[in-house]
PDB file of N, CA and C in Angstrom:
ATOM      1  N   MET A   1     120.510  87.283  80.181  1.00  0.00           N
ATOM      2  CA  MET A   1     121.367  87.320  81.526  1.00  0.00           C
ATOM      3  C   MET A   1     120.653  88.044  82.479  1.00  0.00           C
ATOM      4  N   ALA A   2     120.252  89.299  81.819  1.00  0.00           N
ATOM      5  CA  ALA A   2     119.767  90.393  82.962  1.00  0.00           C
ATOM      6  C   ALA A   2     118.246  89.839  83.382  1.00  0.00           C
ATOM      7  N   SER A   3     117.668  89.550  82.205  1.00  0.00           N
ATOM      8  CA  SER A   3     116.233  88.709  82.698  1.00  0.00           C
ATOM      9  C   SER A   3     116.342  87.652  84.048  1.00  0.00           C
ATOM     10  N   GLU A   4     117.507  86.950  83.898  1.00  0.00           N
ATOM     11  CA  GLU A   4     117.496  85.698  85.088  1.00  0.00           C
ATOM     12  C   GLU A   4     118.038  86.607  86.380  1.00  0.00           C
ATOM     13  N   ALA A   5     118.589  87.621  86.384  1.00  0.00           N
ATOM     14  CA  ALA A   5     119.011  88.664  87.495  1.00  0.00           C
ATOM     15  C   ALA A   5     117.536  88.970  88.229  1.00  0.00           C
ATOM     16  N   ALA A   6     116.966  89.561  87.284  1.00  0.00           N
ATOM     17  CA  ALA A   6     115.444  90.450  87.799  1.00  0.00           C
ATOM     18  C   ALA A   6     114.909  89.170  88.473  1.00  0.00           C
ATOM     19  N   GLU A   7     114.711  87.887  87.753  1.00  0.00           N
ATOM     20  CA  GLU A   7     113.913  86.898  88.098  1.00  0.00           C
ATOM     21  C   GLU A   7     114.590  86.360  89.184  1.00  0.00           C
ATOM     22  N   SER A   8     116.054  86.208  89.665  1.00  0.00           N
ATOM     23  CA  SER A   8     116.278  85.658  90.942  1.00  0.00           C
ATOM     24  C   SER A   8     115.610  86.721  91.786  1.00  0.00           C
ATOM     25  N   ASP A   9     116.122  88.175  91.832  1.00  0.00           N
ATOM     26  CA  ASP A   9     115.989  88.905  92.912  1.00  0.00           C
ATOM     27  C   ASP A   9     114.090  88.968  93.204  1.00  0.00           C
ATOM     28  N   ILE A  10     113.154  88.629  91.875  1.00  0.00           N
ATOM     29  CA  ILE A  10     111.950  88.536  92.762  1.00  0.00           C
ATOM     30  C   ILE A  10     111.609  87.229  93.311  1.00  0.00           C
ATOM     31  N   CYS A  11     112.260  86.361  92.892  1.00  0.00           N
ATOM     32  CA  CYS A  11     112.231  84.596  93.682  1.00  0.00           C
ATOM     33  C   CYS A  11     112.873  84.797  94.976  1.00  0.00           C
ATOM     34  N   ASN A  12     113.798  85.731  95.235  1.00  0.00           N
ATOM     35  CA  ASN A  12     114.610  85.942  96.559  1.00  0.00           C
ATOM     36  C   ASN A  12     114.540  87.365  96.880  1.00  0.00           C
ATOM     37  N   PRO A  13     113.486  87.759  97.434  1.00  0.00           N
ATOM     38  CA  PRO A  13     113.149  89.036  98.090  1.00  0.00           C
ATOM     39  C   PRO A  13     114.148  89.559  99.141  1.00  0.00           C
ATOM     40  N   GLN A  14     114.714  90.777  99.529  1.00  0.00           N
ATOM     41  CA  GLN A  14     115.720  91.159 100.545  1.00  0.00           C
ATOM     42  C   GLN A  14     114.927  92.299 101.220  1.00  0.00           C
ATOM     43  N   GLY A  15     114.339  92.357 102.227  1.00  0.00           N
ATOM     44  CA  GLY A  15     113.795  93.447 102.776  1.00  0.00           C
ATOM     45  C   GLY A  15     113.537  93.366 104.396  1.00  0.00           C
ATOM     46  N   VAL A  16     113.123  94.293 105.052  1.00  0.00           N
ATOM     47  CA  VAL A  16     112.979  94.090 106.481  1.00  0.00           C
ATOM     48  C   VAL A  16     111.312  94.489 106.991  1.00  0.00           C
ATOM     49  N   ILE A  17     110.567  93.787 107.864  1.00  0.00           N
ATOM     50  CA  ILE A  17     109.452  93.961 108.092  1.00  0.00           C
ATOM     51  C   ILE A  17     109.393  94.351 109.745  1.00  0.00           C
ATOM     52  N   THR A  18     109.223  95.238 109.951  1.00  0.00           N
ATOM     53  CA  THR A  18     109.084  95.943 111.537  1.00  0.00           C
ATOM     54  C   THR A  18     107.646  96.041 112.169  1.00  0.00           C
ATOM     55  N   LEU A  19     107.512  95.324 113.360  1.00  0.00           N
ATOM     56  CA  LEU A  19     106.268  95.168 114.061  1.00  0.00           C
ATOM     57  C   LEU A  19     106.157  96.068 115.496  1.00  0.00           C
ATOM     58  N   ILE A  20     105.468  96.473 115.718  1.00  0.00           N
ATOM     59  CA  ILE A  20     105.051  96.924 117.276  1.00  0.00           C
ATOM     60  C   ILE A  20     104.049  95.866 117.905  1.00  0.00           C
ATOM     61  N   ILE A  21     104.604  95.347 118.815  1.00  0.00           N
ATOM     62  CA  ILE A  21     103.665  94.389 119.645  1.00  0.00           C
ATOM     63  C   ILE A  21     103.100  94.684 121.004  1.00  0.00           C
ATOM     64  N   ALA A  22     102.217  94.774 120.996  1.00  0.00           N
ATOM     65  CA  ALA A  22     101.500  95.009 122.404  1.00  0.00           C
ATOM     66  C   ALA A  22     101.791  94.292 123.807  1.00  0.00           C
ATOM     67  N   PRO A  23     101.768  94.631 124.818  1.00  0.00           N
ATOM     68  CA  PRO A  23     102.068  93.479 126.115  1.00  0.00           C
ATOM     69  C   PRO A  23     101.118  92.003 125.796  1.00  0.00           C
ATOM     70  N   ASP A  24     100.185  92.473 125.388  1.00  0.00           N
ATOM     71  CA  ASP A  24      99.297  91.135 125.075  1.00  0.00           C
ATOM     72  C   ASP A  24      99.217  90.385 123.805  1.00  0.00           C
ATOM     73  N   GLY A  25     100.576  90.656 123.353  1.00  0.00           N
ATOM     74  CA  GLY A  25     100.810  90.012 121.697  1.00  0.00           C
ATOM     75  C   GLY A  25     100.100  90.425 120.219  1.00  0.00           C
ATOM     76  N   ARG A  26      99.147  91.345 120.535  1.00  0.00           N
ATOM     77  CA  ARG A  26      98.551  91.886 119.389  1.00  0.00           C
ATOM     78  C   ARG A  26      99.648  93.070 118.665  1.00  0.00           C
ATOM     79  N   VAL A  27      99.565  92.909 117.475  1.00  0.00           N
ATOM     80  CA  VAL A  27     100.439  93.580 116.559  1.00  0.00           C
ATOM     81  C   VAL A  27      99.652  94.897 116.481  1.00  0.00           C
ATOM     82  N   VAL A  28     100.220  96.309 116.978  1.00  0.00           N
ATOM     83  CA  VAL A  28      99.598  97.123 116.872  1.00  0.00           C
ATOM     84  C   VAL A  28      99.611  97.958 115.890  1.00  0.00           C
ATOM     85  N   ALA A  29     101.001  98.167 115.093  1.00  0.00           N
ATOM     86  CA  ALA A  29     101.195  98.553 113.869  1.00  0.00           C
ATOM     87  C   ALA A  29     102.372  97.966 113.341  1.00  0.00           C
ATOM     88  N   HIS A  30     102.456  97.983 111.759  1.00  0.00           N
ATOM     89  CA  HIS A  30     103.770  97.263 111.210  1.00  0.00           C
ATOM     90  C   HIS A  30     103.757  97.891 109.815  1.00  0.00           C
ATOM     91  N   ALA A  31     105.216  97.791 109.334  1.00  0.00           N
ATOM     92  CA  ALA A  31     105.805  98.419 108.059  1.00  0.00           C
ATOM     93  C   ALA A  31     106.601  97.383 107.356  1.00  0.00           C
ATOM     94  N   ALA A  32     106.919  97.238 106.236  1.00  0.00           N
ATOM     95  CA  ALA A  32     107.575  96.604 105.321  1.00  0.00           C
ATOM     96  C   ALA A  32     108.715  97.522 104.685  1.00  0.00           C
ATOM     97  N   ASP A  33     110.012  97.388 104.095  1.00  0.00           N
ATOM     98  CA  ASP A  33     110.786  97.674 103.088  1.00  0.00           C
ATOM     99  C   ASP A  33     111.297  97.208 102.440  1.00  0.00           C
ATOM    100  N   PHE A  34     111.265  96.853 100.975  1.00  0.00           N
ATOM    101  CA  PHE A  34     111.999  96.030 100.410  1.00  0.00           C
ATOM    102  C   PHE A  34     112.652  96.635  98.913  1.00  0.00           C
ATOM    103  N   ASN A  35     112.746  97.934  99.332  1.00  0.00           N
ATOM    104  CA  ASN A  35     113.480  98.841  98.309  1.00  0.00           C
ATOM    105  C   ASN A  35     115.123  98.552  98.433  1.00  0.00           C
ATOM    106  N   GLN A  36     115.676  98.085  97.393  1.00  0.00           N
ATOM    107  CA  GLN A  36     117.076  97.817  97.642  1.00  0.00           C
ATOM    108  C   GLN A  36     118.121  98.878  97.541  1.00  0.00           C
ATOM    109  N   SER A  37     117.737 100.067  97.675  1.00  0.00           N
ATOM    110  CA  SER A  37     118.755 101.156  97.416  1.00  0.00           C
ATOM    111  C   SER A  37     118.880 101.519  99.135  1.00  0.00           C
ATOM    112  N   GLY A  38     120.271 101.805  99.095  1.00  0.00           N
ATOM    113  CA  GLY A  38     121.095 102.239 100.402  1.00  0.00           C
ATOM    114  C   GLY A  38     121.697 103.686 100.444  1.00  0.00           C
ATOM    115  N   TYR A  39     121.849 104.363 101.227  1.00  0.00           N
ATOM    116  CA  TYR A  39     122.207 105.717 101.456  1.00  0.00           C
ATOM    117  C   TYR A  39     122.565 106.156 102.388  1.00  0.00           C
ATOM    118  N   GLY A  40     123.964 107.077 102.643  1.00  0.00           N
ATOM    119  CA  GLY A  40     124.272 107.604 103.481  1.00  0.00           C
ATOM    120  C   GLY A  40     125.778 106.679 103.988  1.00  0.00           C
ATOM    121  N   GLY A  41     126.053 105.789 103.244  1.00  0.00           N
ATOM    122  CA  GLY A  41     126.833 104.673 103.487  1.00  0.00           C
ATOM    123  C   GLY A  41     126.405 103.425 104.364  1.00  0.00           C
ATOM    124  N   PHE A  42     125.034 103.414 104.081  1.00  0.00           N
ATOM    125  CA  PHE A  42     124.312 102.265 104.802  1.00  0.00           C
ATOM    126  C   PHE A  42     124.328 100.970 103.877  1.00  0.00           C
ATOM    127  N   THR A  43     124.333 100.057 104.472  1.00  0.00           N
ATOM    128  CA  THR A  43     124.056  98.635 103.378  1.00  0.00           C
ATOM    129  C   THR A  43     122.767  98.836 103.179  1.00  0.00           C
ATOM    130  N   PRO A  44     122.121  98.015 102.043  1.00  0.00           N
ATOM    131  CA  PRO A  44     120.705  98.121 101.950  1.00  0.00           C
ATOM    132  C   PRO A  44     119.843  97.438 102.841  1.00  0.00           C
ATOM    133  N   ALA A  45     120.249  96.477 103.543  1.00  0.00           N
ATOM    134  CA  ALA A  45     119.562  95.947 105.068  1.00  0.00           C
ATOM    135  C   ALA A  45     119.329  97.026 105.922  1.00  0.00           C
ATOM    136  N   GLU A  46     120.686  97.862 106.333  1.00  0.00           N
ATOM    137  CA  GLU A  46     120.306  98.890 107.221  1.00  0.00           C
ATOM    138  C   GLU A  46     119.374  99.806 106.736  1.00  0.00           C
ATOM    139  N   ALA A  47     119.643 100.282 105.863  1.00  0.00           N
ATOM    140  CA  ALA A  47     118.761 101.519 105.154  1.00  0.00           C
ATOM    141  C   ALA A  47     117.280 101.012 104.827  1.00  0.00           C
ATOM    142  N   GLN A  48     116.743  99.769 104.646  1.00  0.00           N
ATOM    143  CA  GLN A  48     115.690  99.085 104.575  1.00  0.00           C
ATOM    144  C   GLN A  48     114.999  99.322 106.195  1.00  0.00           C
ATOM    145  N   SER A  49     115.775  98.867 107.334  1.00  0.00           N
ATOM    146  CA  SER A  49     115.460  98.865 108.280  1.00  0.00           C
ATOM    147  C   SER A  49     115.075 100.107 109.042  1.00  0.00           C
ATOM    148  N   ILE A  50     115.990 100.800 108.895  1.00  0.00           N
ATOM    149  CA  ILE A  50     115.821 102.799 108.911  1.00  0.00           C
ATOM    150  C   ILE A  50     114.373 103.051 108.451  1.00  0.00           C
ATOM    151  N   ARG A  51     114.246 102.712 107.181  1.00  0.00           N
ATOM    152  CA  ARG A  51     112.814 103.413 106.312  1.00  0.00           C
ATOM    153  C   ARG A  51     111.700 102.355 107.076  1.00  0.00           C
ATOM    154  N   ALA A  52     111.843 101.320 106.915  1.00  0.00           N
ATOM    155  CA  ALA A  52     110.723 100.318 107.614  1.00  0.00           C
ATOM    156  C   ALA A  52     110.247 100.784 109.393  1.00  0.00           C
ATOM    157  N   HIS A  53     111.373 101.255 109.996  1.00  0.00           N
ATOM    158  CA  HIS A  53     111.109 101.781 111.212  1.00  0.00           C
ATOM    159  C   HIS A  53     110.378 103.025 111.162  1.00  0.00           C
ATOM    160  N   ASP A  54     110.597 103.929 110.552  1.00  0.00           N
ATOM    161  CA  ASP A  54     110.174 105.120 110.339  1.00  0.00           C
ATOM    162  C   ASP A  54     109.021 104.820 109.930  1.00  0.00           C
ATOM    163  N   LYS A  55     108.593 104.095 108.912  1.00  0.00           N
ATOM    164  CA  LYS A  55     107.188 103.481 108.035  1.00  0.00           C
ATOM    165  C   LYS A  55     106.332 103.042 109.340  1.00  0.00           C
ATOM    166  N   MET A  56     107.044 102.272 110.197  1.00  0.00           N
ATOM    167  CA  MET A  56     106.181 101.735 111.294  1.00  0.00           C
ATOM    168  C   MET A  56     105.727 102.496 112.324  1.00  0.00           C
ATOM    169  N   THR A  57     106.516 103.377 112.773  1.00  0.00           N
ATOM    170  CA  THR A  57     106.413 104.836 114.282  1.00  0.00           C
ATOM    171  C   THR A  57     105.262 105.760 113.361  1.00  0.00           C
ATOM    172  N   ARG A  58     105.108 105.963 111.989  1.00  0.00           N
ATOM    173  CA  ARG A  58     104.209 106.756 111.431  1.00  0.00           C
ATOM    174  C   ARG A  58     103.018 105.844 111.632  1.00  0.00           C
ATOM    175  N   ALA A  59     102.879 104.408 111.257  1.00  0.00           N
ATOM    176  CA  ALA A  59     101.733 103.641 111.416  1.00  0.00           C
ATOM    177  C   ALA A  59     100.944 103.833 112.559  1.00  0.00           C
ATOM    178  N   LEU A  60     101.744 103.580 113.728  1.00  0.00           N
ATOM    179  CA  LEU A  60     101.505 103.666 115.356  1.00  0.00           C
ATOM    180  C   LEU A  60     100.720 105.062 115.441  1.00  0.00           C
ATOM    181  N   LEU A  61     101.398 106.195 114.957  1.00  0.00           N
ATOM    182  CA  LEU A  61     100.753 107.585 115.129  1.00  0.00           C
ATOM    183  C   LEU A  61      99.435 107.424 114.347  1.00  0.00           C
ATOM    184  N   ARG A  62      99.483 107.038 113.302  1.00  0.00           N
ATOM    185  CA  ARG A  62      98.389 106.890 112.480  1.00  0.00           C
ATOM    186  C   ARG A  62      96.714 106.158 112.949  1.00  0.00           C
ATOM    187  N   GLU A  63      97.283 105.301 113.737  1.00  0.00           N
ATOM    188  CA  GLU A  63      96.525 104.351 114.409  1.00  0.00           C
ATOM    189  C   GLU A  63      96.197 104.517 115.669  1.00  0.00           C
ATOM    190  N   THR A  64      96.862 105.483 116.255  1.00  0.00           N
ATOM    191  CA  THR A  64      96.384 105.646 117.794  1.00  0.00           C
ATOM    192  C   THR A  64      96.136 107.060 118.168  1.00  0.00           C
ATOM    193  N   CYS A  65      96.241 108.276 116.936  1.00  0.00           N
ATOM    194  CA  CYS A  65      96.399 109.544 117.383  1.00  0.00           C
ATOM    195  C   CYS A  65      95.417 110.185 115.879  1.00  0.00           C
ATOM    196  N   ALA A  66      95.025 111.464 116.417  1.00  0.00           N
ATOM    197  CA  ALA A  66      93.741 112.177 115.330  1.00  0.00           C
ATOM    198  C   ALA A  66      95.053 112.361 113.996  1.00  0.00           C
ATOM    199  N   THR A  67      94.127 112.355 113.036  1.00  0.00           N
ATOM    200  CA  THR A  67      94.813 112.563 111.945  1.00  0.00           C
ATOM    201  C   THR A  67      95.785 114.081 112.109  1.00  0.00           C
ATOM    202  N   TYR A  68      95.535 115.272 112.588  1.00  0.00           N
ATOM    203  CA  TYR A  68      96.009 116.358 112.635  1.00  0.00           C
ATOM    204  C   TYR A  68      97.315 116.242 113.193  1.00  0.00           C
ATOM    205  N   ILE A  69      97.177 115.423 114.510  1.00  0.00           N
ATOM    206  CA  ILE A  69      98.388 114.674 115.142  1.00  0.00           C
ATOM    207  C   ILE A  69      99.109 114.244 114.552  1.00  0.00           C
ATOM    208  N   ALA A  70      98.914 113.253 114.025  1.00  0.00           N
ATOM    209  CA  ALA A  70      99.676 112.106 113.486  1.00  0.00           C
ATOM    210  C   ALA A  70     100.604 112.656 112.236  1.00  0.00           C
ATOM    211  N   SER A  71      99.745 113.733 111.477  1.00  0.00           N
ATOM    212  CA  SER A  71     100.833 114.200 110.433  1.00  0.00           C
ATOM    213  C   SER A  71     101.327 115.435 110.611  1.00  0.00           C
ATOM    214  N   SER A  72     101.409 116.036 111.830  1.00  0.00           N
ATOM    215  CA  SER A  72     102.192 117.139 112.460  1.00  0.00           C
ATOM    216  C   SER A  72     103.667 117.036 112.962  1.00  0.00           C
ATOM    217  N   VAL A  73     103.271 115.695 113.695  1.00  0.00           N
ATOM    218  CA  VAL A  73     104.584 115.361 114.334  1.00  0.00           C
ATOM    219  C   VAL A  73     105.861 114.917 113.495  1.00  0.00           C
ATOM    220  N   SER A  74     106.993 115.129 113.695  1.00  0.00           N
ATOM    221  CA  SER A  74     108.094 114.951 113.323  1.00  0.00           C
ATOM    222  C   SER A  74     108.663 113.690 113.243  1.00  0.00           C
ATOM    223  N   SER A  75     109.554 113.098 112.406  1.00  0.00           N
ATOM    224  CA  SER A  75     110.041 111.747 112.500  1.00  0.00           C
ATOM    225  C   SER A  75     110.624 111.292 113.986  1.00  0.00           C
ATOM    226  N   TYR A  76     111.500 112.489 114.339  1.00  0.00           N
ATOM    227  CA  TYR A  76     112.296 112.528 115.754  1.00  0.00           C
ATOM    228  C   TYR A  76     111.197 112.538 116.873  1.00  0.00           C
ATOM    229  N   ALA A  77     110.070 113.379 116.839  1.00  0.00           N
ATOM    230  CA  ALA A  77     109.273 113.299 118.068  1.00  0.00           C
ATOM    231  C   ALA A  77     108.610 111.908 118.008  1.00  0.00           C
ATOM    232  N   ALA A  78     108.213 111.404 116.759  1.00  0.00           N
ATOM    233  CA  ALA A  78     107.816 110.259 116.642  1.00  0.00           C
ATOM    234  C   ALA A  78     108.219 109.115 116.763  1.00  0.00           C
ATOM    235  N   ASP A  79     109.603 109.117 116.846  1.00  0.00           N
ATOM    236  CA  ASP A  79     110.660 108.145 117.569  1.00  0.00           C
ATOM    237  C   ASP A  79     110.801 107.911 119.035  1.00  0.00           C
ATOM    238  N   LEU A  80     110.529 109.304 119.523  1.00  0.00           N
ATOM    239  CA  LEU A  80     110.313 109.736 121.098  1.00  0.00           C
ATOM    240  C   LEU A  80     109.388 108.959 121.407  1.00  0.00           C
ATOM    241  N   ILE A  81     108.277 109.421 121.122  1.00  0.00           N
ATOM    242  CA  ILE A  81     107.026 109.013 121.266  1.00  0.00           C
ATOM    243  C   ILE A  81     106.888 107.339 121.619  1.00  0.00           C
ATOM    244  N   LEU A  82     107.451 106.799 120.853  1.00  0.00           N
ATOM    245  CA  LEU A  82     107.467 105.185 120.248  1.00  0.00           C
ATOM    246  C   LEU A  82     108.635 104.474 121.274  1.00  0.00           C
ATOM    247  N   ARG A  83     109.513 105.421 121.884  1.00  0.00           N
ATOM    248  CA  ARG A  83     110.434 104.910 123.055  1.00  0.00           C
ATOM    249  C   ARG A  83     109.923 105.049 123.967  1.00  0.00           C
ATOM    250  N   GLU A  84     108.804 105.976 124.199  1.00  0.00           N
ATOM    251  CA  GLU A  84     108.250 106.340 125.551  1.00  0.00           C
ATOM    252  C   GLU A  84     107.352 104.975 125.751  1.00  0.00           C
ATOM    253  N   VAL A  85     106.755 104.491 124.804  1.00  0.00           N
ATOM    254  CA  VAL A  85     105.177 103.755 124.974  1.00  0.00           C
ATOM    255  C   VAL A  85     106.153 102.132 125.105  1.00  0.00           C
ATOM    256  N   CYS A  86     106.903 102.088 124.511  1.00  0.00           N
ATOM    257  CA  CYS A  86     107.735 100.818 124.528  1.00  0.00           C
ATOM    258  C   CYS A  86     108.119 101.051 125.927  1.00  0.00           C
ATOM    259  N   GLU A  87     108.858 101.755 126.692  1.00  0.00           N
ATOM    260  CA  GLU A  87     109.533 101.784 128.083  1.00  0.00           C
ATOM    261  C   GLU A  87     108.413 101.933 128.883  1.00  0.00           C
ATOM    262  N   ASN A  88     107.492 102.662 128.722  1.00  0.00           N
ATOM    263  CA  ASN A  88     106.449 102.712 129.910  1.00  0.00           C
ATOM    264  C   ASN A  88     105.045 101.712 129.865  1.00  0.00           C
ATOM    265  N   GLN A  89     104.863 100.995 128.582  1.00  0.00           N
ATOM    266  CA  GLN A  89     103.749 100.590 128.337  1.00  0.00           C
ATOM    267  C   GLN A  89     104.140  99.229 127.779  1.00  0.00           C
ATOM    268  N   ARG A  90     105.273  98.668 127.712  1.00  0.00           N
ATOM    269  CA  ARG A  90     106.006  97.285 127.715  1.00  0.00           C
ATOM    270  C   ARG A  90     105.451  96.858 126.345  1.00  0.00           C
ATOM    271  N   PHE A  91     105.337  97.914 125.304  1.00  0.00           N
ATOM    272  CA  PHE A  91     105.214  97.093 123.732  1.00  0.00           C
ATOM    273  C   PHE A  91     106.713  97.111 123.624  1.00  0.00           C
ATOM    274  N   LYS A  92     106.908  96.156 122.046  1.00  0.00           N
ATOM    275  CA  LYS A  92     108.519  95.992 121.974  1.00  0.00           C
ATOM    276  C   LYS A  92     107.966  96.172 120.495  1.00  0.00           C
ATOM    277  N   VAL A  93     109.278  96.476 119.760  1.00  0.00           N
ATOM    278  CA  VAL A  93     109.602  96.591 118.371  1.00  0.00           C
ATOM    279  C   VAL A  93     110.321  95.191 117.952  1.00  0.00           C
ATOM    280  N   HIS A  94     109.781  94.779 117.082  1.00  0.00           N
ATOM    281  CA  HIS A  94     110.474  93.529 116.381  1.00  0.00           C
ATOM    282  C   HIS A  94     110.518  93.871 115.029  1.00  0.00           C
ATOM    283  N   LYS A  95     111.976  93.195 114.542  1.00  0.00           N
ATOM    284  CA  LYS A  95     112.508  93.319 113.146  1.00  0.00           C
ATOM    285  C   LYS A  95     112.676  92.028 112.669  1.00  0.00           C
ATOM    286  N   ILE A  96     112.021  91.757 111.474  1.00  0.00           N
ATOM    287  CA  ILE A  96     112.302  90.450 110.671  1.00  0.00           C
ATOM    288  C   ILE A  96     112.850  90.893 109.232  1.00  0.00           C
ATOM    289  N   TYR A  97     113.817  90.084 109.171  1.00  0.00           N
ATOM    290  CA  TYR A  97     114.952  90.468 107.964  1.00  0.00           C
ATOM    291  C   TYR A  97     114.468  88.898 106.946  1.00  0.00           C
ATOM    292  N   ILE A  98     114.143  89.464 105.718  1.00  0.00           N
ATOM    293  CA  ILE A  98     113.582  88.852 104.799  1.00  0.00           C
ATOM    294  C   ILE A  98     114.761  88.202 103.721  1.00  0.00           C
ATOM    295  N   GLY A  99     115.220  87.060 103.660  1.00  0.00           N
ATOM    296  CA  GLY A  99     116.239  86.654 102.311  1.00  0.00           C
ATOM    297  C   GLY A  99     117.463  87.196 103.085  1.00  0.00           C
ATOM    298  N   TYR A 100     117.999  87.888 103.972  1.00  0.00           N
ATOM    299  CA  TYR A 100     119.144  87.660 104.794  1.00  0.00           C
ATOM    300  C   TYR A 100     119.585  86.515 105.304  1.00  0.00           C
ATOM    301  N   ASP A 101     121.007  86.348 105.561  1.00  0.00           N
ATOM    302  CA  ASP A 101     121.350  85.272 106.483  1.00  0.00           C
ATOM    303  C   ASP A 101     121.225  85.420 107.792  1.00  0.00           C
ATOM    304  N   ASP A 102     121.312  86.701 108.537  1.00  0.00           N
ATOM    305  CA  ASP A 102     120.704  86.436 109.786  1.00  0.00           C
ATOM    306  C   ASP A 102     119.592  86.907 109.772  1.00  0.00           C
ATOM    307  N   GLU A 103     118.133  86.348 109.787  1.00  0.00           N
ATOM    308  CA  GLU A 103     116.987  87.014 109.403  1.00  0.00           C
ATOM    309  C   GLU A 103     116.107  87.843 110.503  1.00  0.00           C
ATOM    310  N   ASP A 104     116.260  87.361 111.876  1.00  0.00           N
ATOM    311  CA  ASP A 104     115.889  88.297 112.942  1.00  0.00           C
ATOM    312  C   ASP A 104     116.802  88.906 113.521  1.00  0.00           C
ATOM    313  N   ASP A 105     115.858  90.131 114.107  1.00  0.00           N
ATOM    314  CA  ASP A 105     116.300  90.733 115.311  1.00  0.00           C
ATOM    315  C   ASP A 105     115.793  91.660 116.299  1.00  0.00           C
ATOM    316  N   ASN A 106     115.864  91.202 117.094  1.00  0.00           N
ATOM    317  CA  ASN A 106     114.911  91.772 118.059  1.00  0.00           C
ATOM    318  C   ASN A 106     115.651  92.787 118.794  1.00  0.00           C
TER     319      ASN A 106
END
């Protein structure tokens, strides 16, 4: 029975993919999280969304900044940078929920 449950999880993965999309439609950075663990009272989907967002923000910094800057910025500062880029440069963050009933969230 345990192997059937594990096989079911493999066939029906649940996770979140996040994308940063430039105004011209290019995907500038992306990240995914399929880890099923939750934390702090969050559902697995909420926890995946938080982790994927953080990974995606870090990916944006790695792609667009010098290594010493990208590795020095805190998660909070990285999120502020992302917000400014979205607001001032018209970039968009898009989340795709895989394996959940409500699979897309803009």
